[in-house]
N, C-alpha and C. Protein backbone atom coordinates (compact mmCIF):
# COMPACT_ATOMS: atom_id res chain seq x y z
N THR A 1 -12.26 5.49 -2.33
CA THR A 1 -12.44 4.46 -2.96
C THR A 1 -12.29 3.91 -4.03
N HIS A 2 -12.53 5.10 -5.07
CA HIS A 2 -12.71 4.49 -6.70
C HIS A 2 -11.23 5.26 -6.69
N GLY A 3 -9.94 6.09 -5.95
CA GLY A 3 -9.04 5.78 -6.39
C GLY A 3 -8.59 6.99 -6.94
N GLY A 4 -7.67 7.77 -7.15
CA GLY A 4 -7.22 9.04 -7.52
C GLY A 4 -6.85 9.54 -9.39
N GLY A 5 -7.20 8.64 -9.37
CA GLY A 5 -6.50 9.17 -11.28
C GLY A 5 -5.78 7.88 -12.01
N LEU A 6 -5.00 8.00 -13.10
CA LEU A 6 -4.48 7.15 -13.70
C LEU A 6 -3.68 5.80 -12.43
N THR A 7 -3.03 7.07 -12.06
CA THR A 7 -1.35 6.32 -10.94
C THR A 7 -1.68 6.20 -9.53
N ILE A 8 -3.29 6.33 -9.28
CA ILE A 8 -3.15 5.57 -7.61
C ILE A 8 -4.69 4.65 -8.07
N PRO A 9 -4.21 4.18 -7.44
CA PRO A 9 -5.46 2.39 -7.76
C PRO A 9 -6.66 2.61 -6.64
N SER A 10 -7.49 2.57 -6.42
CA SER A 10 -8.45 2.60 -5.44
C SER A 10 -8.54 1.22 -4.23
N LEU A 11 -9.23 2.24 -3.77
CA LEU A 11 -8.79 0.62 -2.28
C LEU A 11 -9.26 -0.54 -2.33
N HIS A 12 -10.37 -1.21 -3.28
CA HIS A 12 -9.99 -2.38 -3.64
C HIS A 12 -9.28 -3.22 -4.27
N ASP A 13 -8.05 -2.27 -4.87
CA ASP A 13 -7.18 -2.86 -5.06
C ASP A 13 -6.35 -3.76 -4.01
N PHE A 14 -6.18 -2.97 -2.83
CA PHE A 14 -5.82 -3.15 -1.79
C PHE A 14 -6.40 -4.49 -0.83
N VAL A 15 -7.50 -5.03 -0.95
CA VAL A 15 -8.64 -6.20 -0.72
C VAL A 15 -8.13 -7.02 -0.89
N ARG A 16 -7.90 -8.27 0.47
CA ARG A 16 -7.32 -9.50 0.20
C ARG A 16 -8.81 -10.18 0.08
N SER A 17 -9.78 -9.72 0.81
CA SER A 17 -11.09 -10.59 1.37
C SER A 17 -11.98 -9.32 1.78
N TYR A 18 -13.08 -9.93 1.72
CA TYR A 18 -13.93 -9.62 2.69
C TYR A 18 -14.86 -10.20 3.29
N THR A 19 -15.69 -10.04 3.99
CA THR A 19 -16.39 -10.79 5.19
C THR A 19 -17.90 -10.08 4.66
N ILE A 20 -18.99 -10.80 4.13
CA ILE A 20 -20.27 -10.17 4.26
C ILE A 20 -21.06 -11.00 4.61
N VAL A 21 -21.91 -10.27 5.32
CA VAL A 21 -23.52 -10.71 5.59
C VAL A 21 -24.41 -11.19 4.32
N LEU A 22 -24.87 -11.85 4.40
CA LEU A 22 -25.71 -12.36 3.36
C LEU A 22 -27.58 -11.55 3.99
N PRO A 23 -28.38 -11.47 2.94
CA PRO A 23 -29.47 -11.36 3.31
C PRO A 23 -30.27 -12.08 4.59
N ASP A 24 -29.80 -13.46 4.66
CA ASP A 24 -30.33 -14.72 5.36
C ASP A 24 -29.34 -14.48 6.68
N GLY A 25 -28.44 -13.81 7.11
CA GLY A 25 -27.40 -13.11 8.00
C GLY A 25 -26.72 -14.14 7.97
N ALA A 26 -26.45 -15.56 7.05
CA ALA A 26 -24.99 -15.76 7.11
C ALA A 26 -23.84 -15.45 6.40
N LEU A 27 -22.41 -15.34 6.62
CA LEU A 27 -21.44 -14.91 6.89
C LEU A 27 -21.15 -15.94 5.96
N LYS A 28 -20.21 -14.61 4.72
CA LYS A 28 -19.48 -15.58 3.23
C LYS A 28 -18.33 -15.06 3.30
N ARG A 29 -17.13 -15.39 3.39
CA ARG A 29 -16.12 -14.92 2.78
C ARG A 29 -15.93 -14.91 1.61
N VAL A 30 -15.38 -13.63 0.94
CA VAL A 30 -15.06 -13.43 -0.80
C VAL A 30 -13.82 -13.09 -0.34
N ASP A 31 -13.11 -13.80 -2.18
CA ASP A 31 -11.58 -13.28 -2.14
C ASP A 31 -11.81 -14.23 -3.77
N LYS A 32 -10.00 -13.28 -4.06
CA LYS A 32 -10.13 -14.03 -5.65
C LYS A 32 -9.77 -15.27 -5.76
N GLU A 33 -9.69 -16.01 -5.40
CA GLU A 33 -9.52 -17.56 -5.41
C GLU A 33 -11.03 -18.36 -5.53
N THR A 34 -11.39 -17.84 -4.39
CA THR A 34 -12.54 -18.92 -4.28
C THR A 34 -13.44 -18.43 -4.81
N SER A 35 -13.62 -16.97 -4.70
CA SER A 35 -15.35 -16.15 -5.57
C SER A 35 -14.68 -15.18 -6.51
N PRO A 36 -13.98 -15.50 -7.49
CA PRO A 36 -13.44 -13.94 -8.38
C PRO A 36 -14.30 -13.12 -8.77
N THR A 37 -15.59 -13.77 -9.37
CA THR A 37 -16.76 -12.84 -10.13
C THR A 37 -17.19 -11.75 -8.66
N LEU A 38 -17.32 -12.79 -7.97
CA LEU A 38 -18.17 -11.72 -7.10
C LEU A 38 -17.04 -10.75 -5.87
N PHE A 39 -15.96 -11.41 -6.22
CA PHE A 39 -14.89 -10.69 -5.28
C PHE A 39 -14.57 -9.26 -6.20
N ARG A 40 -14.39 -9.52 -7.59
CA ARG A 40 -13.99 -8.09 -8.98
C ARG A 40 -16.15 -7.66 -8.54
N ALA A 41 -16.89 -8.01 -8.34
CA ALA A 41 -18.25 -7.49 -8.37
C ALA A 41 -18.15 -5.99 -7.10
N MET A 42 -17.74 -6.73 -6.13
CA MET A 42 -17.33 -6.08 -5.01
C MET A 42 -17.17 -4.32 -4.51
N ALA A 43 -16.26 -4.13 -5.88
CA ALA A 43 -15.82 -2.63 -5.35
C ALA A 43 -16.68 -2.08 -5.63
N PRO A 44 -17.83 -2.12 -7.19
CA PRO A 44 -18.80 -1.20 -7.31
C PRO A 44 -20.08 -1.46 -6.90
N SER A 45 -19.75 -2.14 -5.79
CA SER A 45 -21.27 -2.85 -5.40
C SER A 45 -22.46 -1.82 -4.62
N MET A 46 -20.98 -1.08 -3.37
CA MET A 46 -22.00 -0.63 -3.01
C MET A 46 -22.91 -1.24 -1.73
N GLY A 47 -22.78 -2.56 -1.05
CA GLY A 47 -23.02 -3.01 -0.29
C GLY A 47 -24.45 -3.78 -0.90
N LEU A 48 -24.71 -4.05 -2.38
CA LEU A 48 -26.13 -5.14 -3.08
C LEU A 48 -25.08 -5.85 -2.89
N PHE A 49 -24.27 -6.56 -2.48
CA PHE A 49 -23.99 -8.15 -2.50
C PHE A 49 -24.02 -8.48 -1.19
N GLY A 50 -24.18 -8.26 0.29
CA GLY A 50 -23.95 -7.97 1.43
C GLY A 50 -23.51 -6.84 1.83
N ALA A 51 -23.82 -6.38 3.09
CA ALA A 51 -23.15 -5.74 4.15
C ALA A 51 -21.99 -6.45 4.52
N VAL A 52 -20.68 -5.38 4.17
CA VAL A 52 -19.35 -6.09 4.85
C VAL A 52 -19.35 -5.46 6.08
N VAL A 53 -18.57 -6.78 6.63
CA VAL A 53 -17.87 -6.80 8.03
C VAL A 53 -17.21 -6.80 8.87
N GLU A 54 -15.88 -6.99 7.63
CA GLU A 54 -14.39 -7.04 7.82
C GLU A 54 -13.98 -7.24 6.29
N MET A 55 -12.97 -6.94 5.96
CA MET A 55 -11.71 -6.47 5.11
C MET A 55 -10.36 -7.21 5.78
N GLU A 56 -9.54 -8.00 5.01
CA GLU A 56 -8.34 -8.03 4.68
C GLU A 56 -7.95 -7.24 3.53
N MET A 57 -6.68 -6.78 4.34
CA MET A 57 -5.84 -5.21 3.46
C MET A 57 -4.66 -6.00 3.38
N ALA A 58 -4.15 -5.87 1.94
CA ALA A 58 -3.18 -5.47 1.91
C ALA A 58 -2.00 -4.24 2.45
N VAL A 59 -0.91 -4.76 3.17
CA VAL A 59 -0.21 -3.58 3.82
C VAL A 59 1.07 -3.28 3.04
N VAL A 60 0.65 -1.47 2.04
CA VAL A 60 2.07 -1.50 1.47
C VAL A 60 2.72 0.00 2.01
N PRO A 61 3.80 0.21 1.11
CA PRO A 61 4.10 1.39 1.57
C PRO A 61 3.97 2.44 2.09
N LEU A 62 4.20 3.45 2.76
CA LEU A 62 3.34 4.62 2.74
C LEU A 62 4.36 5.79 1.22
N GLU A 63 2.97 5.98 0.68
CA GLU A 63 3.69 7.15 -1.35
C GLU A 63 3.15 8.53 -0.49
N ILE A 64 3.91 9.63 -1.09
CA ILE A 64 3.76 10.88 -0.82
C ILE A 64 3.35 11.26 -1.68
N LEU A 65 1.87 11.64 -1.58
CA LEU A 65 0.39 12.17 -2.75
C LEU A 65 0.35 14.22 -2.53
N GLU A 66 0.45 14.10 -3.47
CA GLU A 66 0.29 15.75 -3.73
C GLU A 66 -1.03 15.50 -4.39
N ALA A 67 -1.83 16.51 -4.13
CA ALA A 67 -2.93 16.62 -4.49
C ALA A 67 -3.50 18.41 -5.07
N GLN A 68 -3.32 18.57 -6.07
CA GLN A 68 -3.40 18.96 -7.30
C GLN A 68 -4.80 19.70 -7.94
N MET A 69 -5.37 20.08 -8.23
CA MET A 69 -6.52 20.55 -9.04
C MET A 69 -6.27 21.55 -9.89
N ILE A 70 -6.55 21.21 -11.16
CA ILE A 70 -6.60 21.75 -12.65
C ILE A 70 -8.03 22.32 -13.02
N SER A 71 -8.21 23.06 -13.84
CA SER A 71 -9.27 23.54 -14.64
C SER A 71 -9.55 22.96 -15.68
N ILE A 72 -9.94 22.26 -16.75
CA ILE A 72 -9.76 22.00 -17.88
C ILE A 72 -10.91 22.50 -18.60
N PRO A 73 -11.21 22.98 -19.64
CA PRO A 73 -12.38 23.77 -20.53
C PRO A 73 -12.52 21.95 -20.78
N VAL A 74 -14.22 22.01 -21.25
CA VAL A 74 -14.81 20.73 -21.45
C VAL A 74 -14.89 20.69 -22.61
N ASP A 75 -14.42 21.73 -23.95
CA ASP A 75 -14.27 21.16 -25.19
C ASP A 75 -12.73 20.31 -25.28
N ASP A 76 -11.74 20.65 -24.64
CA ASP A 76 -10.30 20.29 -24.22
C ASP A 76 -10.43 19.01 -24.05
N VAL A 77 -11.44 18.44 -22.83
CA VAL A 77 -11.92 17.37 -22.61
C VAL A 77 -12.52 16.30 -23.67
N ILE A 78 -13.03 17.18 -23.71
CA ILE A 78 -14.51 16.26 -25.19
C ILE A 78 -13.18 16.02 -26.59
N GLN A 79 -12.21 16.40 -26.90
CA GLN A 79 -10.92 16.32 -27.81
C GLN A 79 -10.31 14.79 -27.02
N CYS A 80 -10.07 14.52 -25.85
CA CYS A 80 -9.28 13.55 -25.99
C CYS A 80 -10.32 12.15 -25.61
N PHE A 81 -11.07 12.17 -26.19
CA PHE A 81 -12.27 11.13 -26.44
C PHE A 81 -12.45 10.51 -27.64
N ASP A 82 -12.07 11.12 -28.60
CA ASP A 82 -11.93 11.85 -30.02
C ASP A 82 -11.54 10.35 -30.37
């Protein structure tokens, strides 16, 4: 859900709307147009703003992905942030 790196977006990038259950039991539809701040906050919230009971997702063409694992020494990684 958090993406696969620089070229693979997160699942949230394909979400058009969420329907969440609020603490009082009410349903709320959250989308970019009507609730832009809450919509952006939904990606990292892990349920903090309500239980997600429905999502509308964009359909995109299937792309071939290749999984790779590389090992990089910590000192090399630290240099990238200088």
